[in-house]
Amino acid sequence: MKIISKKVGTGDDAHYELTEEKIAKIKSVTLAATSYTYDTKAKKPAVTVKDSAGKVTYYSTWSAAKNTVVKK
C-alpha cells in the first residue's frame, strides 16, 4: 500500500488529504548491467522495478557498498 498526500485549498483553508493506493504485485526487477570491467571508476547500476501490469513502480541508481573483484 502507498499513502498519497495531497494539499487541498489555500490560505487558512489549506489542508492535506491522505489517500491510499494499492500497489500491484512485483513482476520484474531489472539491472541496467550485471557486470562491469574494472577501470578505476565507480559504477552505479540502475535498478528498475515493474508491477504485474508492466508499469514502472520504482527506478533508482545504486552505488555498490562493497567492491567485488571476479577473476576470469
N, C-alpha and C. Protein backbone atom coordinates (compact mmCIF):
# COMPACT_ATOMS: atom_id res chain seq x y z
N MET A 1 0.84 -1.16 0.00
CA MET A 1 0.00 0.00 0.00
C MET A 1 0.89 1.23 0.00
N LYS A 2 0.44 2.26 -0.68
CA LYS A 2 1.18 3.51 -0.78
C LYS A 2 0.24 4.62 -0.29
N ILE A 3 0.73 5.50 0.57
CA ILE A 3 -0.07 6.61 1.08
C ILE A 3 0.29 7.85 0.27
N ILE A 4 -0.72 8.54 -0.24
CA ILE A 4 -0.51 9.74 -1.05
C ILE A 4 -1.05 10.94 -0.30
N SER A 5 -0.23 11.97 -0.18
CA SER A 5 -0.62 13.20 0.49
C SER A 5 -0.86 14.27 -0.57
N LYS A 6 -2.01 14.94 -0.48
CA LYS A 6 -2.34 15.97 -1.47
C LYS A 6 -2.81 17.22 -0.74
N LYS A 7 -2.20 18.36 -1.09
CA LYS A 7 -2.60 19.63 -0.48
C LYS A 7 -3.88 20.10 -1.16
N VAL A 8 -4.85 20.50 -0.32
CA VAL A 8 -6.14 20.97 -0.82
C VAL A 8 -6.41 22.35 -0.25
N GLY A 9 -6.86 23.27 -1.09
CA GLY A 9 -7.19 24.61 -0.64
C GLY A 9 -5.98 25.50 -0.49
N THR A 10 -6.24 26.77 -0.13
CA THR A 10 -5.18 27.75 0.06
C THR A 10 -5.44 28.57 1.31
N GLY A 11 -4.42 29.26 1.75
CA GLY A 11 -4.56 30.15 2.91
C GLY A 11 -4.99 29.40 4.15
N ASP A 12 -5.94 30.00 4.91
CA ASP A 12 -6.42 29.39 6.15
C ASP A 12 -7.20 28.11 5.91
N ASP A 13 -7.71 27.91 4.71
CA ASP A 13 -8.48 26.71 4.38
C ASP A 13 -7.61 25.56 3.89
N ALA A 14 -6.31 25.78 3.78
CA ALA A 14 -5.42 24.75 3.25
C ALA A 14 -5.30 23.58 4.22
N HIS A 15 -5.33 22.39 3.68
CA HIS A 15 -5.14 21.18 4.47
C HIS A 15 -4.67 20.06 3.55
N TYR A 16 -4.27 18.98 4.14
CA TYR A 16 -3.80 17.83 3.36
C TYR A 16 -4.77 16.68 3.49
N GLU A 17 -5.02 16.01 2.39
CA GLU A 17 -5.85 14.81 2.39
C GLU A 17 -4.95 13.61 2.11
N LEU A 18 -5.14 12.55 2.87
CA LEU A 18 -4.37 11.33 2.68
C LEU A 18 -5.26 10.27 2.04
N THR A 19 -4.74 9.64 1.02
CA THR A 19 -5.45 8.55 0.37
C THR A 19 -4.50 7.37 0.22
N GLU A 20 -5.05 6.20 0.12
CA GLU A 20 -4.19 5.02 -0.07
C GLU A 20 -4.34 4.51 -1.49
N GLU A 21 -3.25 3.97 -1.99
CA GLU A 21 -3.23 3.41 -3.33
C GLU A 21 -2.62 2.03 -3.24
N LYS A 22 -3.31 1.05 -3.77
CA LYS A 22 -2.77 -0.31 -3.75
C LYS A 22 -1.66 -0.42 -4.79
N ILE A 23 -0.63 -1.14 -4.44
CA ILE A 23 0.49 -1.37 -5.34
C ILE A 23 0.37 -2.78 -5.88
N ALA A 24 0.44 -2.91 -7.19
CA ALA A 24 0.33 -4.22 -7.82
C ALA A 24 1.53 -5.09 -7.46
N LYS A 25 1.38 -6.37 -7.64
CA LYS A 25 2.43 -7.34 -7.37
C LYS A 25 3.65 -7.08 -8.27
N ILE A 26 4.84 -7.22 -7.70
CA ILE A 26 6.07 -7.03 -8.47
C ILE A 26 6.21 -8.14 -9.49
N LYS A 27 6.43 -7.74 -10.75
CA LYS A 27 6.60 -8.71 -11.82
C LYS A 27 8.08 -8.92 -12.14
N SER A 28 8.85 -7.82 -12.15
CA SER A 28 10.26 -7.97 -12.50
C SER A 28 11.13 -6.90 -11.86
N VAL A 29 12.38 -7.25 -11.64
CA VAL A 29 13.41 -6.33 -11.17
C VAL A 29 14.55 -6.46 -12.17
N THR A 30 14.95 -5.34 -12.76
CA THR A 30 15.96 -5.37 -13.81
C THR A 30 17.13 -4.46 -13.46
N LEU A 31 18.33 -4.96 -13.65
CA LEU A 31 19.54 -4.16 -13.51
C LEU A 31 19.98 -3.69 -14.88
N ALA A 32 20.47 -2.45 -14.98
CA ALA A 32 20.92 -1.92 -16.27
C ALA A 32 22.10 -2.72 -16.79
N ALA A 33 22.95 -3.18 -15.90
CA ALA A 33 24.09 -4.02 -16.28
C ALA A 33 24.35 -4.99 -15.14
N THR A 34 24.76 -6.19 -15.46
CA THR A 34 25.02 -7.19 -14.42
C THR A 34 26.50 -7.40 -14.17
N SER A 35 27.34 -6.83 -15.01
CA SER A 35 28.78 -6.91 -14.78
C SER A 35 29.46 -5.72 -15.43
N TYR A 36 30.61 -5.37 -14.91
CA TYR A 36 31.39 -4.25 -15.42
C TYR A 36 32.85 -4.65 -15.52
N THR A 37 33.58 -3.99 -16.39
CA THR A 37 35.02 -4.18 -16.49
C THR A 37 35.67 -3.14 -15.59
N TYR A 38 36.62 -3.58 -14.80
CA TYR A 38 37.30 -2.68 -13.87
C TYR A 38 38.07 -1.61 -14.63
N ASP A 39 37.81 -0.34 -14.28
CA ASP A 39 38.53 0.77 -14.91
C ASP A 39 38.81 1.90 -13.92
N THR A 40 38.83 1.61 -12.64
CA THR A 40 39.08 2.52 -11.51
C THR A 40 37.95 3.51 -11.26
N LYS A 41 36.89 3.52 -12.05
CA LYS A 41 35.77 4.45 -11.87
C LYS A 41 34.61 3.76 -11.17
N ALA A 42 33.92 4.52 -10.31
CA ALA A 42 32.77 3.98 -9.58
C ALA A 42 31.64 3.64 -10.56
N LYS A 43 30.96 2.55 -10.29
CA LYS A 43 29.84 2.11 -11.12
C LYS A 43 28.54 2.28 -10.34
N LYS A 44 27.50 2.73 -10.99
CA LYS A 44 26.20 2.94 -10.36
C LYS A 44 25.11 2.32 -11.23
N PRO A 45 24.87 1.03 -11.06
CA PRO A 45 23.86 0.37 -11.90
C PRO A 45 22.44 0.86 -11.60
N ALA A 46 21.66 1.06 -12.63
CA ALA A 46 20.26 1.48 -12.47
C ALA A 46 19.41 0.24 -12.17
N VAL A 47 18.43 0.41 -11.28
CA VAL A 47 17.51 -0.66 -10.92
C VAL A 47 16.10 -0.22 -11.28
N THR A 48 15.38 -1.05 -12.03
CA THR A 48 14.01 -0.76 -12.42
C THR A 48 13.10 -1.88 -11.93
N VAL A 49 12.00 -1.51 -11.26
CA VAL A 49 11.03 -2.50 -10.76
C VAL A 49 9.71 -2.25 -11.49
N LYS A 50 9.15 -3.32 -12.09
CA LYS A 50 7.86 -3.22 -12.78
C LYS A 50 6.83 -4.08 -12.06
N ASP A 51 5.57 -3.58 -12.05
CA ASP A 51 4.50 -4.35 -11.42
C ASP A 51 3.87 -5.30 -12.42
N SER A 52 2.86 -6.04 -11.97
CA SER A 52 2.24 -7.06 -12.81
C SER A 52 1.52 -6.47 -14.03
N ALA A 53 1.25 -5.17 -14.01
CA ALA A 53 0.62 -4.51 -15.15
C ALA A 53 1.67 -3.96 -16.12
N GLY A 54 2.96 -4.14 -15.80
CA GLY A 54 4.03 -3.65 -16.65
C GLY A 54 4.43 -2.22 -16.38
N LYS A 55 3.82 -1.60 -15.37
CA LYS A 55 4.10 -0.21 -15.02
C LYS A 55 5.36 -0.14 -14.15
N VAL A 56 6.23 0.84 -14.44
CA VAL A 56 7.43 1.03 -13.63
C VAL A 56 6.99 1.60 -12.29
N THR A 57 7.28 0.89 -11.19
CA THR A 57 6.88 1.34 -9.87
C THR A 57 8.05 1.92 -9.09
N TYR A 58 9.28 1.65 -9.56
CA TYR A 58 10.45 2.13 -8.85
C TYR A 58 11.62 2.19 -9.80
N TYR A 59 12.38 3.27 -9.73
CA TYR A 59 13.59 3.39 -10.53
C TYR A 59 14.61 4.13 -9.69
N SER A 60 15.80 3.61 -9.62
CA SER A 60 16.83 4.26 -8.83
C SER A 60 18.21 3.88 -9.36
N THR A 61 19.18 4.66 -8.97
CA THR A 61 20.57 4.35 -9.29
C THR A 61 21.26 4.01 -7.98
N TRP A 62 21.93 2.89 -7.96
CA TRP A 62 22.57 2.40 -6.75
C TRP A 62 24.08 2.47 -6.86
N SER A 63 24.72 2.68 -5.73
CA SER A 63 26.18 2.60 -5.66
C SER A 63 26.52 1.30 -4.96
N ALA A 64 27.58 0.67 -5.38
CA ALA A 64 28.00 -0.57 -4.73
C ALA A 64 28.55 -0.26 -3.35
N ALA A 65 28.10 -1.01 -2.35
CA ALA A 65 28.57 -0.80 -0.98
C ALA A 65 29.90 -1.50 -0.75
N LYS A 66 30.17 -2.53 -1.55
CA LYS A 66 31.39 -3.30 -1.38
C LYS A 66 31.92 -3.65 -2.76
N ASN A 67 33.19 -3.44 -2.97
CA ASN A 67 33.78 -3.81 -4.26
C ASN A 67 34.08 -5.29 -4.27
N THR A 68 33.72 -5.93 -5.34
CA THR A 68 33.99 -7.35 -5.51
C THR A 68 34.72 -7.54 -6.83
N VAL A 69 35.85 -8.19 -6.78
CA VAL A 69 36.61 -8.44 -7.99
C VAL A 69 36.46 -9.91 -8.34
N VAL A 70 36.03 -10.18 -9.55
CA VAL A 70 35.87 -11.55 -10.02
C VAL A 70 36.90 -11.79 -11.10
N LYS A 71 37.75 -12.77 -10.89
CA LYS A 71 38.77 -13.10 -11.88
C LYS A 71 38.17 -14.01 -12.93
N LYS A 72 38.55 -13.80 -14.17
CA LYS A 72 38.06 -14.64 -15.27
C LYS A 72 39.17 -15.50 -15.80
